[in-house]
Amino acid sequence: MSYTLTSTARHESIVKRSRFIARAGPCCDEHSAQTFIDRVRDLTASHNCWAWKCGQQYRFDDDGEPGGTAGRPILQAIEGQDLDNVVVLVIRHFGGVKLGTGGLIRAYGGCAAECLRQAPTEPIIAMVRLECRLPFEAIALAHQLFERHGVSKLDERYVSDGVELTLELPRTSRDTLIADLNNATSGKAGIRS
């Protein structure tokens, strides 16, 4: 199961006099991730390194640090905690001591990981859609079942012998809802995924 952030988070650490500040937040696509980065970046800092992940899409940037020492470790911190739809920016104020590639990887990845560990999260619930045709006499009972299974009604069209509905519900409730609707209508419910 994947999780996402419910709000923004911040974490700060000092590594050999360099100050690292991680800022994390939820995002739904590249545009919202870039908006977050633009809003929280610190133009007075030495580096503003970031990564984001939304489903199968992801991006990261080392912002002048040696390749693979900042953006990739931040992305690995996101993936290592099974997070999705998340953006993390780590700001570095250089303290005068070079950290080397291993030190940079640990500093950026560690700061991002700690920020994400402290961040409030919630599970991402996979949703599915169903098309459903019900006889008139089953509509009231169906609405009780919808409430029990966390169903959202997206569309409702009345036809001569009943109603056609477009529903959205958690994937984990799909099979149970179909069985309950078939039982409630004695098999008269027409359901398509």
N, C-alpha and C. Protein backbone atom coordinates (compact mmCIF):
# COMPACT_ATOMS: atom_id res chain seq x y z
N MET A 1 0.84 -1.18 0.00
CA MET A 1 0.00 0.00 0.00
C MET A 1 0.88 1.24 0.00
N SER A 2 0.48 2.22 -0.77
CA SER A 2 1.20 3.50 -0.82
C SER A 2 0.53 4.52 0.09
N TYR A 3 1.32 5.48 0.50
CA TYR A 3 0.83 6.55 1.37
C TYR A 3 1.18 7.89 0.74
N THR A 4 0.49 8.92 1.19
CA THR A 4 0.82 10.27 0.76
C THR A 4 0.77 11.19 1.98
N LEU A 5 1.26 12.38 1.82
CA LEU A 5 1.27 13.34 2.93
C LEU A 5 -0.08 14.04 3.02
N THR A 6 -0.51 14.31 4.24
CA THR A 6 -1.76 15.05 4.43
C THR A 6 -1.51 16.55 4.57
N SER A 7 -0.26 16.93 4.83
CA SER A 7 0.09 18.35 4.91
C SER A 7 1.60 18.47 4.71
N THR A 8 2.09 19.68 4.77
CA THR A 8 3.52 19.90 4.57
C THR A 8 4.30 19.52 5.83
N ALA A 9 5.61 19.33 5.64
CA ALA A 9 6.48 18.99 6.76
C ALA A 9 7.83 19.68 6.56
N ARG A 10 8.57 19.83 7.66
CA ARG A 10 9.88 20.48 7.60
C ARG A 10 10.82 19.78 8.58
N HIS A 11 12.07 19.64 8.17
CA HIS A 11 13.10 19.09 9.05
C HIS A 11 14.42 19.78 8.74
N GLU A 12 15.19 20.04 9.78
CA GLU A 12 16.48 20.71 9.60
C GLU A 12 17.57 19.90 10.28
N SER A 13 18.73 19.82 9.62
CA SER A 13 19.88 19.15 10.24
C SER A 13 21.16 19.89 9.86
N ILE A 14 22.17 19.75 10.70
CA ILE A 14 23.49 20.34 10.45
C ILE A 14 24.46 19.19 10.22
N VAL A 15 25.18 19.23 9.11
CA VAL A 15 26.19 18.21 8.80
C VAL A 15 27.48 18.95 8.47
N LYS A 16 28.47 18.83 9.34
CA LYS A 16 29.77 19.50 9.16
C LYS A 16 29.60 20.97 8.77
N ARG A 17 28.83 21.68 9.57
CA ARG A 17 28.57 23.11 9.44
C ARG A 17 27.67 23.50 8.27
N SER A 18 27.29 22.57 7.40
CA SER A 18 26.30 22.87 6.35
C SER A 18 24.92 22.65 6.93
N ARG A 19 24.03 23.58 6.66
CA ARG A 19 22.65 23.46 7.15
C ARG A 19 21.77 22.92 6.03
N PHE A 20 21.09 21.81 6.32
CA PHE A 20 20.18 21.18 5.36
C PHE A 20 18.75 21.34 5.89
N ILE A 21 17.88 21.87 5.06
CA ILE A 21 16.48 22.09 5.44
C ILE A 21 15.61 21.36 4.41
N ALA A 22 14.89 20.35 4.88
CA ALA A 22 13.99 19.60 4.00
C ALA A 22 12.57 20.13 4.16
N ARG A 23 11.92 20.33 3.03
CA ARG A 23 10.51 20.75 3.00
C ARG A 23 9.78 19.73 2.14
N ALA A 24 8.72 19.15 2.64
CA ALA A 24 7.96 18.14 1.91
C ALA A 24 6.49 18.51 1.88
N GLY A 25 5.82 18.07 0.83
CA GLY A 25 4.39 18.33 0.72
C GLY A 25 3.73 17.39 -0.26
N PRO A 26 2.41 17.35 -0.23
CA PRO A 26 1.68 16.53 -1.20
C PRO A 26 1.65 17.22 -2.56
N CYS A 27 1.57 16.43 -3.62
CA CYS A 27 1.41 16.97 -4.96
C CYS A 27 0.62 15.96 -5.78
N CYS A 28 -0.01 16.42 -6.85
CA CYS A 28 -0.82 15.51 -7.65
C CYS A 28 -0.27 15.35 -9.07
N ASP A 29 0.66 16.20 -9.46
CA ASP A 29 1.24 16.11 -10.80
C ASP A 29 2.49 16.99 -10.85
N GLU A 30 3.14 17.02 -12.02
CA GLU A 30 4.37 17.80 -12.17
C GLU A 30 4.15 19.28 -11.89
N HIS A 31 3.04 19.81 -12.36
CA HIS A 31 2.76 21.24 -12.17
C HIS A 31 2.65 21.58 -10.68
N SER A 32 1.91 20.79 -9.91
CA SER A 32 1.76 21.10 -8.48
C SER A 32 3.09 20.90 -7.74
N ALA A 33 3.90 19.92 -8.17
CA ALA A 33 5.22 19.72 -7.55
C ALA A 33 6.11 20.93 -7.82
N GLN A 34 6.12 21.41 -9.06
CA GLN A 34 6.95 22.56 -9.41
C GLN A 34 6.48 23.82 -8.70
N THR A 35 5.18 23.96 -8.53
CA THR A 35 4.63 25.11 -7.80
C THR A 35 5.13 25.09 -6.35
N PHE A 36 5.11 23.91 -5.72
CA PHE A 36 5.61 23.78 -4.34
C PHE A 36 7.09 24.15 -4.28
N ILE A 37 7.89 23.60 -5.21
CA ILE A 37 9.33 23.87 -5.24
C ILE A 37 9.59 25.37 -5.39
N ASP A 38 8.90 26.01 -6.32
CA ASP A 38 9.09 27.44 -6.55
C ASP A 38 8.70 28.26 -5.33
N ARG A 39 7.69 27.81 -4.61
CA ARG A 39 7.20 28.56 -3.45
C ARG A 39 8.15 28.45 -2.25
N VAL A 40 8.78 27.28 -2.03
CA VAL A 40 9.57 27.11 -0.80
C VAL A 40 11.08 27.20 -1.01
N ARG A 41 11.53 27.27 -2.26
CA ARG A 41 12.98 27.35 -2.49
C ARG A 41 13.56 28.60 -1.85
N ASP A 42 14.83 28.52 -1.49
CA ASP A 42 15.54 29.63 -0.86
C ASP A 42 16.63 30.09 -1.83
N LEU A 43 16.42 31.24 -2.44
CA LEU A 43 17.36 31.73 -3.45
C LEU A 43 18.69 32.18 -2.85
N THR A 44 18.74 32.34 -1.53
CA THR A 44 20.01 32.70 -0.89
C THR A 44 20.85 31.46 -0.55
N ALA A 45 20.29 30.28 -0.72
CA ALA A 45 20.99 29.04 -0.35
C ALA A 45 21.98 28.64 -1.44
N SER A 46 22.94 27.79 -1.07
CA SER A 46 23.91 27.27 -2.02
C SER A 46 23.26 26.35 -3.04
N HIS A 47 22.33 25.51 -2.57
CA HIS A 47 21.67 24.53 -3.45
C HIS A 47 20.23 24.33 -3.01
N ASN A 48 19.35 24.13 -3.99
CA ASN A 48 17.95 23.76 -3.77
C ASN A 48 17.71 22.48 -4.56
N CYS A 49 17.90 21.34 -3.93
CA CYS A 49 17.79 20.05 -4.61
C CYS A 49 16.43 19.44 -4.29
N TRP A 50 15.86 18.74 -5.26
CA TRP A 50 14.50 18.26 -5.06
C TRP A 50 14.24 16.96 -5.81
N ALA A 51 13.10 16.34 -5.43
CA ALA A 51 12.57 15.18 -6.13
C ALA A 51 11.07 15.13 -5.87
N TRP A 52 10.35 14.57 -6.84
CA TRP A 52 8.92 14.33 -6.64
C TRP A 52 8.54 13.04 -7.33
N LYS A 53 7.45 12.45 -6.87
CA LYS A 53 6.93 11.20 -7.44
C LYS A 53 5.41 11.24 -7.42
N CYS A 54 4.82 10.99 -8.59
CA CYS A 54 3.37 10.90 -8.74
C CYS A 54 3.08 9.68 -9.61
N GLY A 55 2.68 8.59 -9.00
CA GLY A 55 2.44 7.36 -9.75
C GLY A 55 3.74 6.87 -10.38
N GLN A 56 3.71 6.66 -11.70
CA GLN A 56 4.90 6.20 -12.41
C GLN A 56 5.80 7.35 -12.84
N GLN A 57 5.35 8.58 -12.66
CA GLN A 57 6.15 9.74 -13.05
C GLN A 57 6.98 10.23 -11.86
N TYR A 58 8.21 10.63 -12.15
CA TYR A 58 9.07 11.20 -11.12
C TYR A 58 10.12 12.07 -11.80
N ARG A 59 10.67 12.99 -11.03
CA ARG A 59 11.76 13.85 -11.48
C ARG A 59 12.61 14.17 -10.27
N PHE A 60 13.87 14.51 -10.53
CA PHE A 60 14.75 14.98 -9.46
C PHE A 60 15.80 15.89 -10.05
N ASP A 61 16.41 16.72 -9.20
CA ASP A 61 17.41 17.68 -9.66
C ASP A 61 18.46 17.86 -8.57
N ASP A 62 19.74 17.86 -9.00
CA ASP A 62 20.86 18.02 -8.07
C ASP A 62 21.26 19.49 -7.88
N ASP A 63 20.73 20.40 -8.66
CA ASP A 63 20.98 21.84 -8.55
C ASP A 63 22.45 22.17 -8.31
N GLY A 64 23.33 21.64 -9.14
CA GLY A 64 24.74 21.99 -9.07
C GLY A 64 25.59 21.08 -8.19
N GLU A 65 24.98 20.25 -7.37
CA GLU A 65 25.76 19.26 -6.61
C GLU A 65 26.23 18.18 -7.60
N PRO A 66 27.28 17.43 -7.27
CA PRO A 66 27.74 16.37 -8.17
C PRO A 66 26.59 15.41 -8.52
N GLY A 67 26.53 14.99 -9.77
CA GLY A 67 25.45 14.14 -10.26
C GLY A 67 25.17 12.94 -9.39
N GLY A 68 23.90 12.75 -9.04
CA GLY A 68 23.48 11.60 -8.27
C GLY A 68 23.67 11.71 -6.77
N THR A 69 24.11 12.88 -6.27
CA THR A 69 24.39 13.00 -4.84
C THR A 69 23.27 13.69 -4.06
N ALA A 70 22.28 14.23 -4.75
CA ALA A 70 21.24 14.98 -4.03
C ALA A 70 19.83 14.56 -4.46
N GLY A 71 19.48 14.81 -5.71
CA GLY A 71 18.11 14.52 -6.17
C GLY A 71 17.76 13.04 -6.08
N ARG A 72 18.67 12.18 -6.52
CA ARG A 72 18.40 10.73 -6.48
C ARG A 72 18.22 10.23 -5.04
N PRO A 73 19.09 10.62 -4.08
CA PRO A 73 18.85 10.18 -2.69
C PRO A 73 17.53 10.70 -2.11
N ILE A 74 17.11 11.90 -2.52
CA ILE A 74 15.82 12.42 -2.05
C ILE A 74 14.69 11.54 -2.60
N LEU A 75 14.77 11.20 -3.90
CA LEU A 75 13.77 10.31 -4.50
C LEU A 75 13.77 8.96 -3.79
N GLN A 76 14.94 8.44 -3.48
CA GLN A 76 15.02 7.15 -2.78
C GLN A 76 14.39 7.23 -1.39
N ALA A 77 14.49 8.38 -0.74
CA ALA A 77 13.83 8.56 0.56
C ALA A 77 12.31 8.49 0.40
N ILE A 78 11.79 9.09 -0.67
CA ILE A 78 10.35 9.04 -0.94
C ILE A 78 9.92 7.59 -1.18
N GLU A 79 10.62 6.92 -2.08
CA GLU A 79 10.26 5.55 -2.44
C GLU A 79 10.49 4.58 -1.28
N GLY A 80 11.51 4.82 -0.47
CA GLY A 80 11.83 3.95 0.65
C GLY A 80 10.76 3.93 1.73
N GLN A 81 9.91 4.95 1.75
CA GLN A 81 8.83 5.00 2.74
C GLN A 81 7.47 4.75 2.10
N ASP A 82 7.48 4.15 0.89
CA ASP A 82 6.25 3.81 0.16
C ASP A 82 5.32 5.01 0.01
N LEU A 83 5.91 6.16 -0.32
CA LEU A 83 5.12 7.37 -0.51
C LEU A 83 4.90 7.64 -1.99
N ASP A 84 3.79 8.28 -2.29
CA ASP A 84 3.46 8.67 -3.65
C ASP A 84 2.75 10.02 -3.59
N ASN A 85 2.73 10.71 -4.71
CA ASN A 85 2.15 12.05 -4.78
C ASN A 85 2.79 12.96 -3.73
N VAL A 86 4.15 12.94 -3.74
CA VAL A 86 4.93 13.67 -2.75
C VAL A 86 6.06 14.42 -3.44
N VAL A 87 6.35 15.62 -2.96
CA VAL A 87 7.49 16.41 -3.42
C VAL A 87 8.35 16.77 -2.20
N VAL A 88 9.68 16.71 -2.38
CA VAL A 88 10.60 17.08 -1.30
C VAL A 88 11.67 17.99 -1.88
N LEU A 89 11.90 19.11 -1.22
CA LEU A 89 12.98 20.04 -1.56
C LEU A 89 13.92 20.07 -0.37
N VAL A 90 15.22 19.89 -0.63
CA VAL A 90 16.22 20.00 0.44
C VAL A 90 17.12 21.18 0.08
N ILE A 91 17.13 22.16 0.97
CA ILE A 91 17.91 23.38 0.80
C ILE A 91 19.22 23.20 1.55
N ARG A 92 20.34 23.57 0.91
CA ARG A 92 21.63 23.48 1.59
C ARG A 92 22.28 24.85 1.66
N HIS A 93 22.64 25.23 2.86
CA HIS A 93 23.46 26.42 3.09
C HIS A 93 24.87 25.89 3.39
N PHE A 94 25.79 26.09 2.47
CA PHE A 94 27.13 25.53 2.57
C PHE A 94 27.85 26.11 3.79
N GLY A 95 28.48 25.21 4.56
CA GLY A 95 29.15 25.63 5.80
C GLY A 95 30.66 25.68 5.71
N GLY A 96 31.22 25.52 4.51
CA GLY A 96 32.66 25.64 4.35
C GLY A 96 33.42 24.34 4.36
N VAL A 97 32.77 23.21 4.65
CA VAL A 97 33.45 21.92 4.67
C VAL A 97 32.84 21.04 3.58
N LYS A 98 33.69 20.55 2.68
CA LYS A 98 33.20 19.66 1.62
C LYS A 98 32.88 18.30 2.22
N LEU A 99 31.78 17.71 1.77
CA LEU A 99 31.30 16.45 2.34
C LEU A 99 31.69 15.23 1.52
N GLY A 100 32.12 15.42 0.28
CA GLY A 100 32.39 14.28 -0.60
C GLY A 100 31.08 13.67 -1.08
N THR A 101 31.18 12.80 -2.08
CA THR A 101 29.95 12.26 -2.67
C THR A 101 29.16 11.43 -1.66
N GLY A 102 29.84 10.57 -0.91
CA GLY A 102 29.13 9.76 0.09
C GLY A 102 28.48 10.60 1.16
N GLY A 103 29.16 11.63 1.61
CA GLY A 103 28.61 12.53 2.61
C GLY A 103 27.40 13.29 2.11
N LEU A 104 27.48 13.73 0.85
CA LEU A 104 26.33 14.43 0.26
C LEU A 104 25.12 13.51 0.15
N ILE A 105 25.35 12.29 -0.31
CA ILE A 105 24.25 11.33 -0.46
C ILE A 105 23.58 11.10 0.90
N ARG A 106 24.40 10.87 1.93
CA ARG A 106 23.85 10.63 3.27
C ARG A 106 23.13 11.87 3.80
N ALA A 107 23.70 13.05 3.58
CA ALA A 107 23.10 14.28 4.11
C ALA A 107 21.76 14.58 3.43
N TYR A 108 21.72 14.57 2.11
CA TYR A 108 20.48 14.88 1.40
C TYR A 108 19.43 13.80 1.63
N GLY A 109 19.83 12.53 1.47
CA GLY A 109 18.89 11.43 1.66
C GLY A 109 18.41 11.33 3.09
N GLY A 110 19.32 11.52 4.04
CA GLY A 110 18.95 11.43 5.46
C GLY A 110 18.03 12.54 5.90
N CYS A 111 18.30 13.75 5.45
CA CYS A 111 17.45 14.89 5.82
C CYS A 111 16.04 14.71 5.23
N ALA A 112 15.98 14.29 3.97
CA ALA A 112 14.68 14.06 3.33
C ALA A 112 13.93 12.94 4.03
N ALA A 113 14.63 11.83 4.34
CA ALA A 113 13.98 10.68 4.98
C ALA A 113 13.44 11.06 6.35
N GLU A 114 14.20 11.82 7.13
CA GLU A 114 13.73 12.20 8.46
C GLU A 114 12.52 13.14 8.36
N CYS A 115 12.54 14.05 7.41
CA CYS A 115 11.40 14.94 7.19
C CYS A 115 10.15 14.11 6.89
N LEU A 116 10.29 13.12 6.01
CA LEU A 116 9.15 12.30 5.62
C LEU A 116 8.68 11.40 6.77
N ARG A 117 9.59 10.93 7.60
CA ARG A 117 9.20 10.11 8.76
C ARG A 117 8.33 10.90 9.73
N GLN A 118 8.62 12.19 9.86
CA GLN A 118 7.87 13.04 10.78
C GLN A 118 6.57 13.58 10.18
N ALA A 119 6.42 13.47 8.87
CA ALA A 119 5.27 14.05 8.18
C ALA A 119 4.00 13.24 8.42
N PRO A 120 2.87 13.92 8.51
CA PRO A 120 1.60 13.21 8.65
C PRO A 120 1.22 12.56 7.31
N THR A 121 0.86 11.28 7.36
CA THR A 121 0.54 10.54 6.13
C THR A 121 -0.82 9.87 6.24
N GLU A 122 -1.32 9.45 5.09
CA GLU A 122 -2.54 8.65 5.03
C GLU A 122 -2.41 7.70 3.84
N PRO A 123 -3.10 6.55 3.90
CA PRO A 123 -3.02 5.61 2.78
C PRO A 123 -3.69 6.17 1.53
N ILE A 124 -3.14 5.81 0.40
CA ILE A 124 -3.77 6.15 -0.88
C ILE A 124 -4.69 4.99 -1.22
N ILE A 125 -5.95 5.27 -1.33
CA ILE A 125 -6.94 4.24 -1.60
C ILE A 125 -7.22 4.20 -3.09
N ALA A 126 -6.95 3.04 -3.69
CA ALA A 126 -7.20 2.87 -5.13
C ALA A 126 -8.71 2.81 -5.36
N MET A 127 -9.17 3.61 -6.30
CA MET A 127 -10.60 3.68 -6.59
C MET A 127 -10.90 3.03 -7.94
N VAL A 128 -12.11 2.49 -8.08
CA VAL A 128 -12.58 1.92 -9.35
C VAL A 128 -13.95 2.50 -9.65
N ARG A 129 -14.33 2.40 -10.93
CA ARG A 129 -15.65 2.84 -11.35
C ARG A 129 -16.47 1.66 -11.80
N LEU A 130 -17.76 1.74 -11.53
CA LEU A 130 -18.70 0.72 -11.98
C LEU A 130 -19.89 1.40 -12.64
N GLU A 131 -20.41 0.76 -13.67
CA GLU A 131 -21.69 1.15 -14.27
C GLU A 131 -22.70 0.16 -13.74
N CYS A 132 -23.83 0.64 -13.26
CA CYS A 132 -24.80 -0.22 -12.60
C CYS A 132 -26.21 0.13 -13.08
N ARG A 133 -26.99 -0.89 -13.39
CA ARG A 133 -28.40 -0.69 -13.76
C ARG A 133 -29.25 -1.43 -12.75
N LEU A 134 -30.15 -0.70 -12.08
CA LEU A 134 -30.97 -1.27 -11.02
C LEU A 134 -32.45 -1.06 -11.30
N PRO A 135 -33.28 -2.03 -10.89
CA PRO A 135 -34.73 -1.81 -10.98
C PRO A 135 -35.16 -0.78 -9.93
N PHE A 136 -36.30 -0.12 -10.18
CA PHE A 136 -36.79 0.92 -9.27
C PHE A 136 -36.91 0.43 -7.83
N GLU A 137 -37.41 -0.79 -7.63
CA GLU A 137 -37.65 -1.28 -6.27
C GLU A 137 -36.37 -1.50 -5.48
N ALA A 138 -35.21 -1.50 -6.12
CA ALA A 138 -33.94 -1.76 -5.42
C ALA A 138 -33.17 -0.49 -5.09
N ILE A 139 -33.66 0.67 -5.52
CA ILE A 139 -32.90 1.91 -5.38
C ILE A 139 -32.65 2.27 -3.92
N ALA A 140 -33.64 2.21 -3.07
CA ALA A 140 -33.46 2.59 -1.65
C ALA A 140 -32.44 1.68 -0.97
N LEU A 141 -32.56 0.39 -1.17
CA LEU A 141 -31.62 -0.56 -0.57
C LEU A 141 -30.22 -0.35 -1.13
N ALA A 142 -30.13 -0.07 -2.43
CA ALA A 142 -28.82 0.16 -3.06
C ALA A 142 -28.13 1.36 -2.43
N HIS A 143 -28.87 2.41 -2.14
CA HIS A 143 -28.25 3.59 -1.52
C HIS A 143 -27.71 3.27 -0.13
N GLN A 144 -28.37 2.39 0.61
CA GLN A 144 -27.85 1.95 1.91
C GLN A 144 -26.53 1.19 1.71
N LEU A 145 -26.50 0.33 0.69
CA LEU A 145 -25.28 -0.41 0.39
C LEU A 145 -24.15 0.52 -0.04
N PHE A 146 -24.49 1.55 -0.82
CA PHE A 146 -23.48 2.52 -1.26
C PHE A 146 -22.82 3.19 -0.06
N GLU A 147 -23.65 3.57 0.91
CA GLU A 147 -23.11 4.24 2.10
C GLU A 147 -22.20 3.28 2.89
N ARG A 148 -22.61 2.04 3.01
CA ARG A 148 -21.83 1.04 3.75
C ARG A 148 -20.48 0.77 3.10
N HIS A 149 -20.42 0.83 1.77
CA HIS A 149 -19.20 0.48 1.04
C HIS A 149 -18.37 1.69 0.60
N GLY A 150 -18.73 2.89 1.02
CA GLY A 150 -17.95 4.07 0.67
C GLY A 150 -18.05 4.45 -0.79
N VAL A 151 -19.25 4.30 -1.37
CA VAL A 151 -19.47 4.55 -2.79
C VAL A 151 -19.86 6.01 -3.01
N SER A 152 -19.28 6.61 -4.06
CA SER A 152 -19.70 7.93 -4.51
C SER A 152 -20.47 7.76 -5.80
N LYS A 153 -21.61 8.42 -5.87
CA LYS A 153 -22.43 8.36 -7.08
C LYS A 153 -21.99 9.50 -8.00
N LEU A 154 -21.45 9.16 -9.17
CA LEU A 154 -20.96 10.17 -10.11
C LEU A 154 -22.03 10.62 -11.09
N ASP A 155 -22.94 9.70 -11.44
CA ASP A 155 -23.98 10.03 -12.41
C ASP A 155 -25.19 9.15 -12.15
N GLU A 156 -26.38 9.68 -12.44
CA GLU A 156 -27.63 8.94 -12.24
C GLU A 156 -28.56 9.29 -13.40
N ARG A 157 -29.02 8.26 -14.11
CA ARG A 157 -29.93 8.46 -15.25
C ARG A 157 -31.12 7.52 -15.09
N TYR A 158 -32.32 8.08 -15.11
CA TYR A 158 -33.52 7.24 -15.00
C TYR A 158 -33.90 6.74 -16.38
N VAL A 159 -34.21 5.45 -16.45
CA VAL A 159 -34.66 4.80 -17.68
C VAL A 159 -36.01 4.17 -17.40
N SER A 160 -36.63 3.59 -18.41
CA SER A 160 -38.01 3.10 -18.28
C SER A 160 -38.19 2.05 -17.18
N ASP A 161 -37.20 1.21 -16.95
CA ASP A 161 -37.37 0.13 -15.98
C ASP A 161 -36.49 0.28 -14.73
N GLY A 162 -35.91 1.46 -14.52
CA GLY A 162 -35.07 1.64 -13.34
C GLY A 162 -34.13 2.82 -13.46
N VAL A 163 -32.93 2.62 -12.98
CA VAL A 163 -31.95 3.70 -12.97
C VAL A 163 -30.58 3.14 -13.38
N GLU A 164 -29.83 3.96 -14.11
CA GLU A 164 -28.45 3.63 -14.47
C GLU A 164 -27.54 4.57 -13.69
N LEU A 165 -26.56 3.98 -13.02
CA LEU A 165 -25.68 4.75 -12.15
C LEU A 165 -24.23 4.56 -12.56
N THR A 166 -23.46 5.62 -12.41
CA THR A 166 -22.01 5.53 -12.50
C THR A 166 -21.49 5.74 -11.09
N LEU A 167 -20.73 4.75 -10.60
CA LEU A 167 -20.28 4.74 -9.21
C LEU A 167 -18.77 4.74 -9.13
N GLU A 168 -18.24 5.30 -8.06
CA GLU A 168 -16.81 5.21 -7.76
C GLU A 168 -16.68 4.72 -6.32
N LEU A 169 -15.78 3.73 -6.12
CA LEU A 169 -15.64 3.14 -4.81
C LEU A 169 -14.24 2.58 -4.63
N PRO A 170 -13.84 2.33 -3.37
CA PRO A 170 -12.54 1.72 -3.15
C PRO A 170 -12.47 0.34 -3.81
N ARG A 171 -11.33 0.07 -4.44
CA ARG A 171 -11.15 -1.21 -5.13
C ARG A 171 -11.41 -2.38 -4.20
N THR A 172 -11.04 -2.24 -2.94
CA THR A 172 -11.21 -3.34 -1.98
C THR A 172 -12.68 -3.64 -1.69
N SER A 173 -13.59 -2.72 -1.99
CA SER A 173 -15.02 -2.93 -1.75
C SER A 173 -15.77 -3.42 -2.98
N ARG A 174 -15.11 -3.46 -4.12
CA ARG A 174 -15.77 -3.75 -5.39
C ARG A 174 -16.52 -5.09 -5.39
N ASP A 175 -15.83 -6.17 -5.11
CA ASP A 175 -16.45 -7.50 -5.20
C ASP A 175 -17.58 -7.67 -4.18
N THR A 176 -17.41 -7.14 -2.99
CA THR A 176 -18.43 -7.25 -1.96
C THR A 176 -19.68 -6.47 -2.36
N LEU A 177 -19.50 -5.26 -2.92
CA LEU A 177 -20.64 -4.46 -3.35
C LEU A 177 -21.39 -5.18 -4.46
N ILE A 178 -20.68 -5.73 -5.43
CA ILE A 178 -21.35 -6.44 -6.54
C ILE A 178 -22.17 -7.61 -5.99
N ALA A 179 -21.58 -8.38 -5.08
CA ALA A 179 -22.31 -9.52 -4.49
C ALA A 179 -23.54 -9.02 -3.72
N ASP A 180 -23.39 -7.94 -2.93
CA ASP A 180 -24.52 -7.41 -2.16
C ASP A 180 -25.63 -6.89 -3.08
N LEU A 181 -25.27 -6.21 -4.17
CA LEU A 181 -26.29 -5.71 -5.11
C LEU A 181 -27.00 -6.86 -5.81
N ASN A 182 -26.24 -7.89 -6.19
CA ASN A 182 -26.87 -9.05 -6.84
C ASN A 182 -27.82 -9.76 -5.87
N ASN A 183 -27.42 -9.88 -4.62
CA ASN A 183 -28.31 -10.51 -3.61
C ASN A 183 -29.54 -9.66 -3.37
N ALA A 184 -29.37 -8.35 -3.28
CA ALA A 184 -30.49 -7.45 -2.98
C ALA A 184 -31.51 -7.38 -4.11
N THR A 185 -31.07 -7.64 -5.34
CA THR A 185 -31.97 -7.54 -6.50
C THR A 185 -32.30 -8.90 -7.08
N SER A 186 -31.95 -9.97 -6.38
CA SER A 186 -32.14 -11.34 -6.89
C SER A 186 -31.54 -11.50 -8.28
N GLY A 187 -30.37 -10.94 -8.46
CA GLY A 187 -29.63 -11.09 -9.71
C GLY A 187 -30.07 -10.16 -10.83
N LYS A 188 -30.95 -9.19 -10.53
CA LYS A 188 -31.46 -8.27 -11.58
C LYS A 188 -30.56 -7.06 -11.80
N ALA A 189 -29.55 -6.88 -10.97
CA ALA A 189 -28.63 -5.74 -11.12
C ALA A 189 -27.72 -6.01 -12.31
N GLY A 190 -27.61 -5.06 -13.19
CA GLY A 190 -26.67 -5.15 -14.30
C GLY A 190 -25.44 -4.31 -13.97
N ILE A 191 -24.30 -4.98 -13.81
CA ILE A 191 -23.10 -4.27 -13.34
C ILE A 191 -21.96 -4.50 -14.32
N ARG A 192 -21.29 -3.39 -14.71
CA ARG A 192 -20.13 -3.45 -15.59
C ARG A 192 -18.99 -2.68 -14.96
N SER A 193 -17.79 -3.22 -15.10
CA SER A 193 -16.61 -2.52 -14.58
C SER A 193 -16.10 -1.55 -15.62
